[in-house]
Amino acid sequence: MARYSDAKCRLCRREGQKLFLKGARCFTDKCAIERRNYPPGQHGLNRGKLTPYGIQLREKQKAKRIYGVLESQFRKYFQWAESEKGVTGENLLRLLELRLDNVVHRLGFAASRRESRQMVAHGHFAVNGRKASVPSMLLKVGDAVQLRATSKMAPRVDDNVNAGRGQLPQWLEIEPNERRGVVRSLPLREDIQIPVSEQLIVELYSK
């Protein structure tokens, strides 16, 4: 399975803002944006002004990096969102939010989407009582996500939940003592707090 394996902090610096890819580190003064808030590379300080195409491209890259998906998979999500009723950009973000690895992160069980992806891939979570090990699995309203009783990650999950780094979205419900979360409803655009302008992504793919 292809995945990005280079330094994660370079991605935040390239987009010029925190994408919260490194979990707890992003909340400290060790964050790369706090120390070197300019694009990486030899000419990072001398990059010119972006063209309209460049602005659209950066929004797409930003969304891909936040959710940890590669180009081919992201394009499939866009095609799926385009075929559904409603606003394409909002449909796209909704599909990305309903990924199992993202839901695990949103519930606070993992410090970052990268960590949640690894935990899911290693079989630490169950969906509706059945072991789930596919991070890209799309959840539906009513689905329950729970840490498996045999998982050795319980102390780590407890630490993440107690850290309380983010506010629980309204479309999710959590039972911390049970290490269990439920998808109450489909996420609305106002519930998706990510620094991305989805309309620019739609304009890019519509060319």
C-alpha atoms as a PDB file:
ATOM      1  CA  MET A   1       0.000   0.000   0.000  1.00  0.00           C
ATOM      2  CA  ALA A   2       1.474   3.344  -1.060  1.00  0.00           C
ATOM      3  CA  ARG A   3       1.823   6.016   1.599  1.00  0.00           C
ATOM      4  CA  TYR A   4       3.755   9.217   2.271  1.00  0.00           C
ATOM      5  CA  SER A   5       6.871   8.387   4.307  1.00  0.00           C
ATOM      6  CA  ASP A   6       8.809  11.667   4.273  1.00  0.00           C
ATOM      7  CA  ALA A   7       8.923  14.243   7.085  1.00  0.00           C
ATOM      8  CA  LYS A   8       5.378  15.287   8.033  1.00  0.00           C
ATOM      9  CA  CYS A   9       6.385  18.745   9.223  1.00  0.00           C
ATOM     10  CA  ARG A  10       7.501  19.634   5.690  1.00  0.00           C
ATOM     11  CA  LEU A  11       3.877  19.324   4.579  1.00  0.00           C
ATOM     12  CA  CYS A  12       2.698  21.893   7.116  1.00  0.00           C
ATOM     13  CA  ARG A  13       5.485  24.263   6.143  1.00  0.00           C
ATOM     14  CA  ARG A  14       4.622  23.866   2.442  1.00  0.00           C
ATOM     15  CA  GLU A  15       1.014  24.863   3.115  1.00  0.00           C
ATOM     16  CA  GLY A  16       2.025  27.646   5.492  1.00  0.00           C
ATOM     17  CA  GLN A  17      -0.195  26.522   8.378  1.00  0.00           C
ATOM     18  CA  LYS A  18      -0.623  23.776  10.936  1.00  0.00           C
ATOM     19  CA  LEU A  19      -2.256  20.650   9.551  1.00  0.00           C
ATOM     20  CA  PHE A  20      -1.885  18.803  12.886  1.00  0.00           C
ATOM     21  CA  LEU A  21      -0.141  15.795  11.365  1.00  0.00           C
ATOM     22  CA  LYS A  22       2.157  15.050  14.321  1.00  0.00           C
ATOM     23  CA  GLY A  23      -0.307  14.856  17.193  1.00  0.00           C
ATOM     24  CA  ALA A  24       0.912  16.313  20.509  1.00  0.00           C
ATOM     25  CA  ARG A  25       4.000  17.885  18.906  1.00  0.00           C
ATOM     26  CA  CYS A  26       1.781  20.301  16.966  1.00  0.00           C
ATOM     27  CA  PHE A  27       0.622  21.868  20.248  1.00  0.00           C
ATOM     28  CA  THR A  28       4.157  22.671  21.438  1.00  0.00           C
ATOM     29  CA  ASP A  29       6.806  25.210  20.443  1.00  0.00           C
ATOM     30  CA  LYS A  30       8.642  22.381  18.663  1.00  0.00           C
ATOM     31  CA  CYS A  31       6.103  22.618  15.826  1.00  0.00           C
ATOM     32  CA  ALA A  32       7.849  23.403  12.540  1.00  0.00           C
ATOM     33  CA  ILE A  33       5.451  26.274  11.798  1.00  0.00           C
ATOM     34  CA  GLU A  34       6.460  27.935  15.064  1.00  0.00           C
ATOM     35  CA  ARG A  35      10.167  27.599  14.274  1.00  0.00           C
ATOM     36  CA  ARG A  36      10.371  27.983  10.480  1.00  0.00           C
ATOM     37  CA  ASN A  37       7.189  29.421   9.047  1.00  0.00           C
ATOM     38  CA  TYR A  38       8.245  29.360   5.389  1.00  0.00           C
ATOM     39  CA  PRO A  39       8.150  26.695   2.637  1.00  0.00           C
ATOM     40  CA  PRO A  40      10.834  23.987   2.794  1.00  0.00           C
ATOM     41  CA  GLY A  41      13.650  23.744   0.297  1.00  0.00           C
ATOM     42  CA  GLN A  42      16.551  25.864  -0.890  1.00  0.00           C
ATOM     43  CA  HIS A  43      14.289  28.573  -2.322  1.00  0.00           C
ATOM     44  CA  GLY A  44      11.605  28.459   0.343  1.00  0.00           C
ATOM     45  CA  LEU A  45      12.020  32.100   1.333  1.00  0.00           C
ATOM     46  CA  ASN A  46      11.965  33.337  -2.261  1.00  0.00           C
ATOM     47  CA  ARG A  47       8.865  31.710  -3.723  1.00  0.00           C
ATOM     48  CA  GLY A  48       6.827  33.956  -5.984  1.00  0.00           C
ATOM     49  CA  LYS A  49       3.134  34.770  -5.949  1.00  0.00           C
ATOM     50  CA  LEU A  50       0.768  31.878  -6.687  1.00  0.00           C
ATOM     51  CA  THR A  51      -1.300  31.828  -9.868  1.00  0.00           C
ATOM     52  CA  PRO A  52      -5.069  31.065  -9.665  1.00  0.00           C
ATOM     53  CA  TYR A  53      -4.267  27.466 -10.661  1.00  0.00           C
ATOM     54  CA  GLY A  54      -1.600  27.316  -7.962  1.00  0.00           C
ATOM     55  CA  ILE A  55      -4.080  28.468  -5.313  1.00  0.00           C
ATOM     56  CA  GLN A  56      -6.541  25.741  -6.350  1.00  0.00           C
ATOM     57  CA  LEU A  57      -3.788  23.133  -6.364  1.00  0.00           C
ATOM     58  CA  ARG A  58      -2.648  24.103  -2.878  1.00  0.00           C
ATOM     59  CA  GLU A  59      -6.194  23.657  -1.525  1.00  0.00           C
ATOM     60  CA  LYS A  60      -6.379  20.174  -3.002  1.00  0.00           C
ATOM     61  CA  GLN A  61      -2.956  19.248  -1.647  1.00  0.00           C
ATOM     62  CA  LYS A  62      -3.912  20.602   1.753  1.00  0.00           C
ATOM     63  CA  ALA A  63      -7.072  18.464   1.919  1.00  0.00           C
ATOM     64  CA  LYS A  64      -5.165  15.358   0.790  1.00  0.00           C
ATOM     65  CA  ARG A  65      -2.518  15.860   3.440  1.00  0.00           C
ATOM     66  CA  ILE A  66      -4.960  16.571   6.256  1.00  0.00           C
ATOM     67  CA  TYR A  67      -6.841  13.320   5.625  1.00  0.00           C
ATOM     68  CA  GLY A  68      -3.778  11.313   4.617  1.00  0.00           C
ATOM     69  CA  VAL A  69      -4.962  10.091   1.208  1.00  0.00           C
ATOM     70  CA  LEU A  70      -3.072   9.892  -2.070  1.00  0.00           C
ATOM     71  CA  GLU A  71      -4.062  11.360  -5.436  1.00  0.00           C
ATOM     72  CA  SER A  72      -5.829   8.371  -6.996  1.00  0.00           C
ATOM     73  CA  GLN A  73      -7.944   7.764  -3.909  1.00  0.00           C
ATOM     74  CA  PHE A  74      -8.741  11.452  -3.525  1.00  0.00           C
ATOM     75  CA  ARG A  75      -9.892  11.638  -7.139  1.00  0.00           C
ATOM     76  CA  LYS A  76     -12.214   8.659  -6.558  1.00  0.00           C
ATOM     77  CA  TYR A  77     -13.755  10.448  -3.601  1.00  0.00           C
ATOM     78  CA  PHE A  78     -14.305  13.513  -5.786  1.00  0.00           C
ATOM     79  CA  GLN A  79     -15.981  11.466  -8.532  1.00  0.00           C
ATOM     80  CA  TRP A  80     -18.195   9.847  -5.925  1.00  0.00           C
ATOM     81  CA  ALA A  81     -19.075  13.248  -4.414  1.00  0.00           C
ATOM     82  CA  GLU A  82     -19.837  14.634  -7.878  1.00  0.00           C
ATOM     83  CA  SER A  83     -22.285  11.818  -8.617  1.00  0.00           C
ATOM     84  CA  GLU A  84     -24.273  12.379  -5.412  1.00  0.00           C
ATOM     85  CA  LYS A  85     -27.031  14.941  -4.880  1.00  0.00           C
ATOM     86  CA  GLY A  86     -26.110  18.189  -3.195  1.00  0.00           C
ATOM     87  CA  VAL A  87     -23.036  20.427  -3.246  1.00  0.00           C
ATOM     88  CA  THR A  88     -20.027  18.542  -4.609  1.00  0.00           C
ATOM     89  CA  GLY A  89     -17.479  20.176  -2.312  1.00  0.00           C
ATOM     90  CA  GLU A  90     -19.503  19.466   0.817  1.00  0.00           C
ATOM     91  CA  ASN A  91     -20.137  15.897  -0.340  1.00  0.00           C
ATOM     92  CA  LEU A  92     -16.390  15.438  -0.769  1.00  0.00           C
ATOM     93  CA  LEU A  93     -15.580  16.610   2.748  1.00  0.00           C
ATOM     94  CA  ARG A  94     -18.397  14.489   4.164  1.00  0.00           C
ATOM     95  CA  LEU A  95     -16.978  11.353   2.558  1.00  0.00           C
ATOM     96  CA  LEU A  96     -13.522  12.113   3.919  1.00  0.00           C
ATOM     97  CA  GLU A  97     -14.915  12.759   7.397  1.00  0.00           C
ATOM     98  CA  LEU A  98     -16.730   9.403   7.435  1.00  0.00           C
ATOM     99  CA  ARG A  99     -13.534   7.414   6.919  1.00  0.00           C
ATOM    100  CA  LEU A 100     -12.906   5.083   9.851  1.00  0.00           C
ATOM    101  CA  ASP A 101      -9.432   6.473  10.576  1.00  0.00           C
ATOM    102  CA  ASN A 102     -10.814  10.020  10.665  1.00  0.00           C
ATOM    103  CA  VAL A 103     -13.700   9.041  12.977  1.00  0.00           C
ATOM    104  CA  VAL A 104     -11.253   7.363  15.379  1.00  0.00           C
ATOM    105  CA  HIS A 105      -9.240  10.601  15.406  1.00  0.00           C
ATOM    106  CA  ARG A 106     -12.320  12.819  15.793  1.00  0.00           C
ATOM    107  CA  LEU A 107     -13.469  10.732  18.776  1.00  0.00           C
ATOM    108  CA  GLY A 108     -10.154  11.520  20.450  1.00  0.00           C
ATOM    109  CA  PHE A 109      -8.929   7.927  20.520  1.00  0.00           C
ATOM    110  CA  ALA A 110      -5.812   8.900  18.521  1.00  0.00           C
ATOM    111  CA  ALA A 111      -3.652  12.026  18.680  1.00  0.00           C
ATOM    112  CA  SER A 112      -3.459  12.315  14.885  1.00  0.00           C
ATOM    113  CA  ARG A 113      -4.982  10.761  11.787  1.00  0.00           C
ATOM    114  CA  ARG A 114      -1.667   9.071  11.118  1.00  0.00           C
ATOM    115  CA  GLU A 115      -1.826   7.359  14.506  1.00  0.00           C
ATOM    116  CA  SER A 116      -5.480   6.415  14.051  1.00  0.00           C
ATOM    117  CA  ARG A 117      -4.696   4.941  10.628  1.00  0.00           C
ATOM    118  CA  GLN A 118      -2.003   2.755  12.163  1.00  0.00           C
ATOM    119  CA  MET A 119      -4.224   1.670  15.055  1.00  0.00           C
ATOM    120  CA  VAL A 120      -7.048   0.717  12.701  1.00  0.00           C
ATOM    121  CA  ALA A 121      -4.716  -1.116  10.300  1.00  0.00           C
ATOM    122  CA  HIS A 122      -3.370  -3.156  13.215  1.00  0.00           C
ATOM    123  CA  GLY A 123      -6.874  -4.275  14.159  1.00  0.00           C
ATOM    124  CA  HIS A 124      -7.322  -2.425  17.457  1.00  0.00           C
ATOM    125  CA  PHE A 125     -10.892  -1.274  16.691  1.00  0.00           C
ATOM    126  CA  ALA A 126     -14.228  -2.923  15.948  1.00  0.00           C
ATOM    127  CA  VAL A 127     -17.189  -1.500  14.037  1.00  0.00           C
ATOM    128  CA  ASN A 128     -20.578  -2.751  15.201  1.00  0.00           C
ATOM    129  CA  GLY A 129     -18.846  -5.515  17.136  1.00  0.00           C
ATOM    130  CA  ARG A 130     -16.763  -6.802  14.224  1.00  0.00           C
ATOM    131  CA  LYS A 131     -13.011  -6.284  13.842  1.00  0.00           C
ATOM    132  CA  ALA A 132     -12.204  -3.583  11.288  1.00  0.00           C
ATOM    133  CA  SER A 133      -8.725  -3.105   9.855  1.00  0.00           C
ATOM    134  CA  VAL A 134      -9.359  -0.943   6.762  1.00  0.00           C
ATOM    135  CA  PRO A 135      -8.702   2.760   7.531  1.00  0.00           C
ATOM    136  CA  SER A 136     -10.635   3.930   4.453  1.00  0.00           C
ATOM    137  CA  MET A 137     -13.835   2.119   5.494  1.00  0.00           C
ATOM    138  CA  LEU A 138     -16.765   4.559   5.246  1.00  0.00           C
ATOM    139  CA  LEU A 139     -19.107   4.600   8.224  1.00  0.00           C
ATOM    140  CA  LYS A 140     -22.857   5.177   8.222  1.00  0.00           C
ATOM    141  CA  VAL A 141     -25.257   6.778  10.669  1.00  0.00           C
ATOM    142  CA  GLY A 142     -25.698   4.454  13.636  1.00  0.00           C
ATOM    143  CA  ASP A 143     -22.341   2.697  13.280  1.00  0.00           C
ATOM    144  CA  ALA A 144     -20.496   2.166  16.557  1.00  0.00           C
ATOM    145  CA  VAL A 145     -16.693   2.249  16.819  1.00  0.00           C
ATOM    146  CA  GLN A 146     -15.109   0.643  19.870  1.00  0.00           C
ATOM    147  CA  LEU A 147     -11.638  -0.294  21.049  1.00  0.00           C
ATOM    148  CA  ARG A 148     -11.407  -4.085  21.063  1.00  0.00           C
ATOM    149  CA  ALA A 149     -11.197  -5.777  24.467  1.00  0.00           C
ATOM    150  CA  THR A 150      -8.047  -7.649  23.402  1.00  0.00           C
ATOM    151  CA  SER A 151      -6.238  -4.487  22.293  1.00  0.00           C
ATOM    152  CA  LYS A 152      -3.053  -3.533  24.103  1.00  0.00           C
ATOM    153  CA  MET A 153      -3.561   0.121  23.109  1.00  0.00           C
ATOM    154  CA  ALA A 154      -6.000   0.879  25.953  1.00  0.00           C
ATOM    155  CA  PRO A 155      -3.515   3.000  27.989  1.00  0.00           C
ATOM    156  CA  ARG A 156      -2.607   5.011  24.889  1.00  0.00           C
ATOM    157  CA  VAL A 157      -6.276   5.578  24.033  1.00  0.00           C
ATOM    158  CA  ASP A 158      -6.991   6.669  27.615  1.00  0.00           C
ATOM    159  CA  ASP A 159      -4.130   9.177  27.425  1.00  0.00           C
ATOM    160  CA  ASN A 160      -5.467  10.594  24.164  1.00  0.00           C
ATOM    161  CA  VAL A 161      -9.045  10.878  25.458  1.00  0.00           C
ATOM    162  CA  ASN A 162      -7.907  12.538  28.692  1.00  0.00           C
ATOM    163  CA  ALA A 163      -5.725  15.000  26.771  1.00  0.00           C
ATOM    164  CA  GLY A 164      -8.884  16.539  25.282  1.00  0.00           C
ATOM    165  CA  ARG A 165      -7.058  18.259  22.401  1.00  0.00           C
ATOM    166  CA  GLY A 166     -10.139  18.859  20.284  1.00  0.00           C
ATOM    167  CA  GLN A 167     -13.857  19.437  20.627  1.00  0.00           C
ATOM    168  CA  LEU A 168     -16.081  16.482  19.758  1.00  0.00           C
ATOM    169  CA  PRO A 169     -18.124  17.198  16.592  1.00  0.00           C
ATOM    170  CA  GLN A 170     -21.902  17.265  16.999  1.00  0.00           C
ATOM    171  CA  TRP A 171     -22.352  14.382  14.589  1.00  0.00           C
ATOM    172  CA  LEU A 172     -20.447  12.034  16.904  1.00  0.00           C
ATOM    173  CA  GLU A 173     -21.214  10.693  20.376  1.00  0.00           C
ATOM    174  CA  ILE A 174     -18.669   9.166  22.731  1.00  0.00           C
ATOM    175  CA  GLU A 175     -18.791   6.910  25.766  1.00  0.00           C
ATOM    176  CA  PRO A 176     -15.269   7.443  27.205  1.00  0.00           C
ATOM    177  CA  ASN A 177     -15.470   4.757  29.871  1.00  0.00           C
ATOM    178  CA  GLU A 178     -16.478   2.187  27.270  1.00  0.00           C
ATOM    179  CA  ARG A 179     -13.960   3.536  24.741  1.00  0.00           C
ATOM    180  CA  ARG A 180     -16.847   3.605  22.295  1.00  0.00           C
ATOM    181  CA  GLY A 181     -18.185   6.155  19.843  1.00  0.00           C
ATOM    182  CA  VAL A 182     -21.285   6.331  17.646  1.00  0.00           C
ATOM    183  CA  VAL A 183     -22.014   8.190  14.398  1.00  0.00           C
ATOM    184  CA  ARG A 184     -25.184  10.088  15.316  1.00  0.00           C
ATOM    185  CA  SER A 185     -25.737  11.860  11.979  1.00  0.00           C
ATOM    186  CA  LEU A 186     -24.013  12.858   8.771  1.00  0.00           C
ATOM    187  CA  PRO A 187     -21.510  15.703   9.250  1.00  0.00           C
ATOM    188  CA  LEU A 188     -22.633  19.136   8.054  1.00  0.00           C
ATOM    189  CA  ARG A 189     -20.193  21.648   6.585  1.00  0.00           C
ATOM    190  CA  GLU A 190     -20.226  23.754   9.739  1.00  0.00           C
ATOM    191  CA  ASP A 191     -19.198  20.665  11.715  1.00  0.00           C
ATOM    192  CA  ILE A 192     -16.073  20.123   9.589  1.00  0.00           C
ATOM    193  CA  GLN A 193     -13.505  22.470  11.070  1.00  0.00           C
ATOM    194  CA  ILE A 194     -10.618  22.206   8.622  1.00  0.00           C
ATOM    195  CA  PRO A 195      -8.846  25.135   6.879  1.00  0.00           C
ATOM    196  CA  VAL A 196      -9.851  24.144   3.341  1.00  0.00           C
ATOM    197  CA  SER A 197     -11.928  25.933   0.706  1.00  0.00           C
ATOM    198  CA  GLU A 198     -13.603  22.987  -1.007  1.00  0.00           C
ATOM    199  CA  GLN A 199     -14.976  25.157  -3.838  1.00  0.00           C
ATOM    200  CA  LEU A 200     -11.427  25.719  -5.104  1.00  0.00           C
ATOM    201  CA  ILE A 201     -10.942  21.947  -5.281  1.00  0.00           C
ATOM    202  CA  VAL A 202     -14.142  21.597  -7.308  1.00  0.00           C
ATOM    203  CA  GLU A 203     -12.957  24.338  -9.685  1.00  0.00           C
ATOM    204  CA  LEU A 204      -9.603  22.558 -10.099  1.00  0.00           C
ATOM    205  CA  TYR A 205     -11.122  19.198 -11.028  1.00  0.00           C
ATOM    206  CA  SER A 206     -13.740  20.848 -13.257  1.00  0.00           C
ATOM    207  CA  LYS A 207     -11.153  22.198 -15.717  1.00  0.00           C
END
